[in-house]
Amino acid sequence: MARKRKYVLDLTDLQYKQVRLPFKAVLLRTLLGLGVSILLAIFYGAVFENLFGSPKEHLLNQQIENKKLQISLVSRQLDNSVASINSLRQSDDKRYRPILDMDSIPDSYRQAGYGGVDRFSDLTGYQNSDVLIEVRSRIEEVKNLATVQKESFYAIADRAEEWKTEMEHQPVISPVDVKFRLGDGFHFREHHPVNGAARMHWGQDFPVPPGTNVYATGGGKIIEAGWGGSNGFGNVIVIDHGFGMQSTYGHLSKIKVQVGQNVKRGDMIGLSGSTGLSSGPHLHYQIEQFGQHKNPVNFFNNDLSNEEYNEMIQAFESKSKFR
């Protein structure tokens, strides 16, 4: 479309003539139009940005939403971690520690926090500071719970190894084949069968033929192997099982071990006899725990069959050979 032209009537010669503005006026009008256009553009841009936001702001908001989603996923993972640790704690408190005779870990120790109210000061002052502080706090909680549980399992592993050793050393089998009946037991004797004196019989007798195999009832170290002297046991063996336990085997015809030798449960240590203060062939067997005499019958299972006992002894012997 052609630009509009303006004409005026020249009265001097009665003709219409085109109106031509001075250059400055044209320039002024052009600048004025350009300025108005710029102002309108700024105005509409500001209105649009205020209503819909700038592209940069859109990008930042999208990044913030992505971070919130990531934080939400991390929070869920932390919840799962706490649940897993609590499950381990249940096994710890209700299974392992009671079996191993260990005290439970106090809640005050498991839930111990970190000191200092300003430990999250680097996260304050932001739009989502509360979310960041909560996540950081949960992370510290999980780290603390995991550390305590790891230390607990280390302690349990150490105690389990100690417990295994203790069980291997406990005198818990019969010292002779269970086919032989029990003789005189743990009680007060009004008349000793040999000297007639009244005194306590601290052990369990096994009336067995001379030369019957006598087995170590638990692992330990031989601390006495020879003639017992005034105790009346004749040829006697004493095993120190550790953990406050000792076992004694008296009236032997032969001794197959030496002082200082380490033995395992089921090792053959001697042959029965009737040496010392004895009225006939038998094995005298007694147990002491922290210096106190205990009834040996309470330490072994006498309900095994002859075959079961022999299989057990053979298993002990095989285990000893492969170590």
Protein backbone atom coordinates (compact mmCIF):
# COMPACT_ATOMS: atom_id res chain seq x y z
CA MET A 1 0.00 0.00 0.00
CA ALA A 2 1.38 3.41 -1.00
CA ARG A 3 2.13 5.85 1.72
CA LYS A 4 -0.59 8.43 2.23
CA ARG A 5 0.26 11.82 0.93
CA LYS A 6 -1.14 15.02 2.28
CA TYR A 7 -2.18 17.89 -0.01
CA VAL A 8 -3.28 21.49 0.70
CA LEU A 9 -4.93 24.19 -1.56
CA ASP A 10 -2.56 26.96 -2.53
CA LEU A 11 -4.78 30.06 -2.77
CA THR A 12 -2.27 32.00 -4.76
CA ASP A 13 -2.63 29.86 -7.83
CA LEU A 14 -5.63 27.82 -6.77
CA GLN A 15 -3.77 24.52 -7.05
CA TYR A 16 -3.37 21.52 -4.61
CA LYS A 17 0.18 21.05 -3.60
CA GLN A 18 1.80 18.16 -1.66
CA VAL A 19 2.80 18.99 1.90
CA ARG A 20 6.43 18.14 2.62
CA LEU A 21 7.61 18.12 6.26
CA PRO A 22 11.05 19.29 7.18
CA PHE A 23 13.70 16.61 7.71
CA LYS A 24 13.87 17.30 11.43
CA ALA A 25 10.15 16.79 11.78
CA VAL A 26 10.33 13.52 9.87
CA LEU A 27 13.23 12.36 12.03
CA LEU A 28 11.43 13.39 15.21
CA ARG A 29 8.31 11.55 14.21
CA THR A 30 10.36 8.44 13.32
CA LEU A 31 12.21 8.48 16.65
CA LEU A 32 8.99 9.08 18.52
CA GLY A 33 7.36 6.09 16.80
CA LEU A 34 10.38 3.90 17.46
CA GLY A 35 10.41 4.92 21.11
CA VAL A 36 6.73 4.17 21.52
CA SER A 37 7.27 0.79 19.86
CA ILE A 38 10.13 -0.03 22.23
CA LEU A 39 8.10 1.02 25.25
CA LEU A 40 5.18 -1.08 24.10
CA ALA A 41 7.48 -4.05 23.53
CA ILE A 42 8.96 -3.67 27.03
CA PHE A 43 5.50 -3.31 28.52
CA TYR A 44 4.07 -6.35 26.77
CA GLY A 45 7.24 -8.35 27.54
CA ALA A 46 6.97 -7.49 31.23
CA VAL A 47 3.29 -8.41 31.28
CA PHE A 48 4.03 -11.74 29.54
CA GLU A 49 6.92 -12.54 31.86
CA ASN A 50 4.84 -11.66 34.88
CA LEU A 51 2.01 -13.90 33.71
CA PHE A 52 3.95 -16.81 32.22
CA GLY A 53 7.57 -16.40 33.43
CA SER A 54 10.78 -16.15 31.50
CA PRO A 55 12.37 -19.15 29.71
CA LYS A 56 15.28 -19.05 32.16
CA GLU A 57 12.87 -19.06 35.07
CA HIS A 58 11.00 -21.95 33.50
CA LEU A 59 14.27 -23.87 33.21
CA LEU A 60 15.22 -23.14 36.82
CA ASN A 61 11.79 -24.18 38.08
CA GLN A 62 12.05 -27.41 36.11
CA GLN A 63 15.45 -28.09 37.66
CA ILE A 64 14.03 -27.40 41.12
CA GLU A 65 11.21 -29.88 40.52
CA ASN A 66 13.72 -32.47 39.32
CA LYS A 67 15.78 -31.96 42.47
CA LYS A 68 12.67 -32.31 44.63
CA LEU A 69 11.90 -35.59 42.89
CA GLN A 70 15.44 -36.82 43.46
CA ILE A 71 15.23 -35.82 47.13
CA SER A 72 11.93 -37.67 47.43
CA LEU A 73 13.55 -40.81 45.98
CA VAL A 74 16.52 -40.46 48.34
CA SER A 75 14.14 -40.06 51.27
CA ARG A 76 12.36 -43.26 50.26
CA GLN A 77 15.67 -45.09 50.00
CA LEU A 78 16.60 -43.82 53.47
CA ASP A 79 13.29 -45.18 54.81
CA ASN A 80 14.10 -48.57 53.27
CA SER A 81 17.59 -48.45 54.78
CA VAL A 82 16.20 -47.72 58.24
CA ALA A 83 13.72 -50.60 57.86
CA SER A 84 16.54 -52.97 56.83
CA ILE A 85 18.71 -51.91 59.75
CA ASN A 86 15.79 -52.35 62.16
CA SER A 87 15.29 -55.86 60.78
CA LEU A 88 18.95 -56.63 61.48
CA ARG A 89 18.51 -55.13 64.92
CA GLN A 90 15.61 -57.54 65.64
CA SER A 91 17.83 -60.49 64.72
CA ASP A 92 20.58 -58.98 66.81
CA ASP A 93 18.47 -58.43 69.97
CA LYS A 94 16.17 -61.46 69.79
CA ARG A 95 18.33 -64.14 68.21
CA TYR A 96 22.08 -63.74 68.34
CA ARG A 97 22.67 -61.92 71.62
CA PRO A 98 20.36 -64.09 73.77
CA ILE A 99 21.93 -67.28 72.38
CA LEU A 100 25.44 -65.97 73.04
CA ASP A 101 24.45 -64.59 76.47
CA MET A 102 25.18 -60.99 75.45
CA ASP A 103 23.39 -57.88 76.69
CA SER A 104 21.20 -55.94 74.26
CA ILE A 105 22.43 -52.57 72.99
CA PRO A 106 20.54 -49.73 74.76
CA ASP A 107 18.23 -47.60 72.60
CA SER A 108 19.99 -44.49 73.89
CA TYR A 109 23.20 -45.71 72.24
CA ARG A 110 21.54 -46.73 68.98
CA GLN A 111 19.68 -43.41 68.69
CA ALA A 112 22.59 -41.23 69.77
CA GLY A 113 22.54 -37.92 67.86
CA TYR A 114 25.23 -35.53 66.79
CA GLY A 115 25.98 -32.56 68.98
CA GLY A 116 25.74 -28.93 67.94
CA VAL A 117 22.68 -26.99 66.91
CA ASP A 118 24.53 -25.28 64.05
CA ARG A 119 25.60 -28.40 62.19
CA PHE A 120 23.10 -27.57 59.42
CA SER A 121 23.92 -23.86 59.23
CA ASP A 122 25.26 -24.28 55.68
CA LEU A 123 21.78 -25.32 54.53
CA THR A 124 19.80 -22.46 56.02
CA GLY A 125 18.54 -19.43 54.11
CA TYR A 126 17.32 -21.28 51.03
CA GLN A 127 13.79 -21.62 49.72
CA ASN A 128 13.77 -25.35 50.51
CA SER A 129 16.07 -25.37 53.53
CA ASP A 130 13.66 -27.45 55.62
CA VAL A 131 13.70 -30.25 53.02
CA LEU A 132 17.50 -30.23 52.74
CA ILE A 133 17.95 -30.24 56.52
CA GLU A 134 15.51 -33.12 56.93
CA VAL A 135 17.31 -35.25 54.34
CA ARG A 136 20.72 -34.46 55.83
CA SER A 137 19.40 -35.38 59.27
CA ARG A 138 18.01 -38.69 57.98
CA ILE A 139 21.34 -39.50 56.32
CA GLU A 140 23.14 -38.94 59.62
CA GLU A 141 20.58 -41.12 61.37
CA VAL A 142 21.12 -43.98 58.90
CA LYS A 143 24.90 -43.63 59.16
CA ASN A 144 24.71 -43.78 62.96
CA LEU A 145 22.37 -46.80 62.98
CA ALA A 146 24.52 -48.62 60.42
CA THR A 147 27.72 -47.90 62.37
CA VAL A 148 26.23 -49.17 65.63
CA GLN A 149 24.89 -52.30 63.92
CA LYS A 150 28.23 -52.99 62.25
CA GLU A 151 30.03 -52.72 65.60
CA SER A 152 27.39 -54.98 67.14
CA PHE A 153 27.91 -57.67 64.50
CA TYR A 154 31.68 -57.46 64.96
CA ALA A 155 31.16 -58.03 68.69
CA ILE A 156 28.75 -60.91 67.98
CA ALA A 157 31.25 -62.50 65.56
CA ASP A 158 34.00 -62.29 68.20
CA ARG A 159 31.69 -63.72 70.87
CA ALA A 160 30.51 -66.48 68.48
CA GLU A 161 34.10 -67.54 67.88
CA GLU A 162 34.74 -67.50 71.61
CA TRP A 163 31.49 -69.42 72.20
CA LYS A 164 32.47 -72.01 69.58
CA THR A 165 35.81 -72.51 71.31
CA GLU A 166 34.07 -72.75 74.68
CA MET A 167 31.61 -75.35 73.36
CA GLU A 168 34.49 -77.41 71.92
CA HIS A 169 36.15 -77.38 75.34
CA GLN A 170 33.07 -78.13 77.46
CA PRO A 171 33.12 -81.67 78.94
CA VAL A 172 29.79 -82.81 77.50
CA ILE A 173 30.12 -86.51 76.57
CA SER A 174 30.46 -89.69 78.59
CA PRO A 175 34.12 -90.62 79.23
CA VAL A 176 33.40 -94.28 78.38
CA ASP A 177 31.04 -96.14 76.08
CA VAL A 178 27.44 -95.60 77.17
CA LYS A 179 26.80 -99.37 77.07
CA PHE A 180 28.37 -99.50 80.52
CA ARG A 181 25.96 -98.77 83.36
CA LEU A 182 26.55 -95.99 85.84
CA GLY A 183 28.00 -96.84 89.22
CA ASP A 184 28.23 -94.89 92.43
CA GLY A 185 27.33 -91.27 91.83
CA PHE A 186 27.67 -87.77 93.25
CA HIS A 187 26.63 -88.07 96.92
CA PHE A 188 27.82 -88.35 100.53
CA ARG A 189 29.18 -91.78 101.42
CA GLU A 190 28.71 -92.96 104.98
CA HIS A 191 31.16 -95.82 104.37
CA HIS A 192 33.95 -95.79 101.78
CA PRO A 193 34.08 -99.22 100.05
CA VAL A 194 37.81 -99.57 100.85
CA ASN A 195 38.65 -97.70 104.05
CA GLY A 196 35.13 -97.42 105.46
CA ALA A 197 35.48 -93.66 106.13
CA ALA A 198 32.53 -91.31 105.72
CA ARG A 199 33.18 -88.67 103.07
CA MET A 200 31.75 -87.02 100.01
CA HIS A 201 31.98 -88.81 96.68
CA TRP A 202 32.58 -85.91 94.30
CA GLY A 203 32.26 -87.77 91.01
CA GLN A 204 30.59 -90.47 88.97
CA ASP A 205 31.89 -94.03 88.85
CA PHE A 206 31.69 -96.25 85.74
CA PRO A 207 32.10 -99.99 86.52
CA VAL A 208 34.01 -101.04 83.38
CA PRO A 209 36.39 -103.91 82.62
CA PRO A 210 40.13 -103.20 82.89
CA GLY A 211 41.54 -101.77 79.66
CA THR A 212 38.35 -99.98 78.60
CA ASN A 213 39.03 -96.91 76.43
CA VAL A 214 38.67 -93.62 78.29
CA TYR A 215 37.95 -90.53 76.20
CA ALA A 216 38.49 -86.82 76.78
CA THR A 217 35.03 -85.38 77.34
CA GLY A 218 36.04 -81.96 76.00
CA GLY A 219 38.98 -80.15 74.46
CA GLY A 220 41.70 -78.80 76.72
CA LYS A 221 45.23 -79.16 78.06
CA ILE A 222 46.55 -82.03 80.17
CA ILE A 223 47.68 -80.55 83.50
CA GLU A 224 48.16 -83.81 85.38
CA ALA A 225 49.03 -87.28 84.05
CA GLY A 226 50.51 -89.80 86.47
CA TRP A 227 50.22 -91.18 89.96
CA GLY A 228 47.77 -89.12 91.97
CA GLY A 229 49.44 -89.63 95.34
CA SER A 230 47.30 -89.08 98.44
CA ASN A 231 44.06 -88.41 96.58
CA GLY A 232 43.52 -92.15 96.14
CA PHE A 233 42.92 -91.91 92.38
CA GLY A 234 46.00 -93.95 91.48
CA ASN A 235 46.92 -93.24 87.88
CA VAL A 236 44.99 -90.07 87.15
CA ILE A 237 44.53 -87.58 84.31
CA VAL A 238 43.29 -84.01 84.81
CA ILE A 239 42.26 -81.85 81.83
CA ASP A 240 41.97 -78.09 82.06
CA HIS A 241 39.21 -77.16 79.60
CA GLY A 242 39.53 -73.43 80.17
CA PHE A 243 36.58 -71.23 81.05
CA GLY A 244 36.89 -72.40 84.66
CA MET A 245 36.29 -76.11 83.84
CA GLN A 246 38.39 -79.16 84.77
CA SER A 247 37.71 -82.90 84.43
CA THR A 248 39.42 -85.75 86.33
CA TYR A 249 39.79 -89.41 85.29
CA GLY A 250 40.95 -91.77 88.07
CA HIS A 251 42.06 -95.38 88.75
CA LEU A 252 43.50 -95.80 85.23
CA SER A 253 45.62 -98.78 84.24
CA LYS A 254 47.43 -96.88 81.48
CA ILE A 255 47.91 -93.21 80.59
CA LYS A 256 48.18 -92.30 76.89
CA VAL A 257 48.86 -88.54 77.20
CA GLN A 258 51.48 -86.26 78.72
CA VAL A 259 51.33 -83.08 80.79
CA GLY A 260 51.11 -80.03 78.52
CA GLN A 261 49.52 -81.95 75.66
CA ASN A 262 46.43 -80.49 74.01
CA VAL A 263 43.55 -82.88 73.43
CA LYS A 264 40.20 -82.67 71.69
CA ARG A 265 36.84 -84.06 72.65
CA GLY A 266 36.74 -87.76 71.78
CA ASP A 267 40.53 -88.32 71.96
CA MET A 268 41.46 -91.57 73.70
CA ILE A 269 43.56 -90.55 76.71
CA GLY A 270 43.93 -93.76 78.74
CA LEU A 271 42.65 -97.18 79.77
CA SER A 272 40.53 -97.94 82.79
CA GLY A 273 41.83 -99.96 85.70
CA SER A 274 41.76 -100.28 89.47
CA THR A 275 44.81 -98.36 90.62
CA GLY A 276 44.87 -96.35 93.84
CA LEU A 277 42.20 -96.58 96.52
CA SER A 278 39.79 -98.79 94.57
CA SER A 279 37.65 -101.79 95.43
CA GLY A 280 37.54 -103.04 91.83
CA PRO A 281 37.92 -102.08 88.16
CA HIS A 282 36.12 -98.84 87.40
CA LEU A 283 36.63 -95.29 86.16
CA HIS A 284 36.18 -92.40 88.58
CA TYR A 285 35.15 -89.25 86.68
CA GLN A 286 34.60 -85.83 88.20
CA ILE A 287 34.10 -82.22 87.05
CA GLU A 288 35.00 -78.94 88.71
CA GLN A 289 33.77 -75.53 87.61
CA PHE A 290 35.58 -72.51 89.08
CA GLY A 291 36.84 -74.75 91.87
CA GLN A 292 33.39 -76.11 92.75
CA HIS A 293 32.55 -79.79 92.30
CA LYS A 294 29.67 -80.46 89.89
CA ASN A 295 27.61 -83.58 89.29
CA PRO A 296 29.06 -85.06 86.06
CA VAL A 297 25.74 -86.66 85.11
CA ASN A 298 24.40 -83.17 84.37
CA PHE A 299 27.06 -82.67 81.69
CA PHE A 300 26.54 -85.61 79.34
CA ASN A 301 23.68 -87.36 77.57
CA ASN A 302 23.33 -90.93 78.79
CA ASP A 303 20.36 -91.66 76.48
CA LEU A 304 22.51 -92.36 73.43
CA SER A 305 22.62 -95.90 72.09
CA ASN A 306 25.90 -97.79 71.89
CA GLU A 307 25.95 -97.36 68.10
CA GLU A 308 25.24 -93.63 68.33
CA TYR A 309 28.02 -93.14 70.89
CA ASN A 310 30.55 -95.06 68.77
CA GLU A 311 29.59 -93.05 65.68
CA MET A 312 30.07 -89.84 67.65
CA ILE A 313 33.53 -90.91 68.86
CA GLN A 314 34.52 -91.90 65.30
CA ALA A 315 33.33 -88.51 64.05
CA PHE A 316 35.46 -86.75 66.69
CA GLU A 317 38.49 -88.85 65.73
CA SER A 318 38.02 -88.10 62.01
CA LYS A 319 37.66 -84.39 62.74
CA SER A 320 40.89 -84.44 64.76
CA LYS A 321 42.81 -86.14 61.92
CA PHE A 322 41.81 -83.54 59.33
CA ARG A 323 42.75 -80.52 61.46
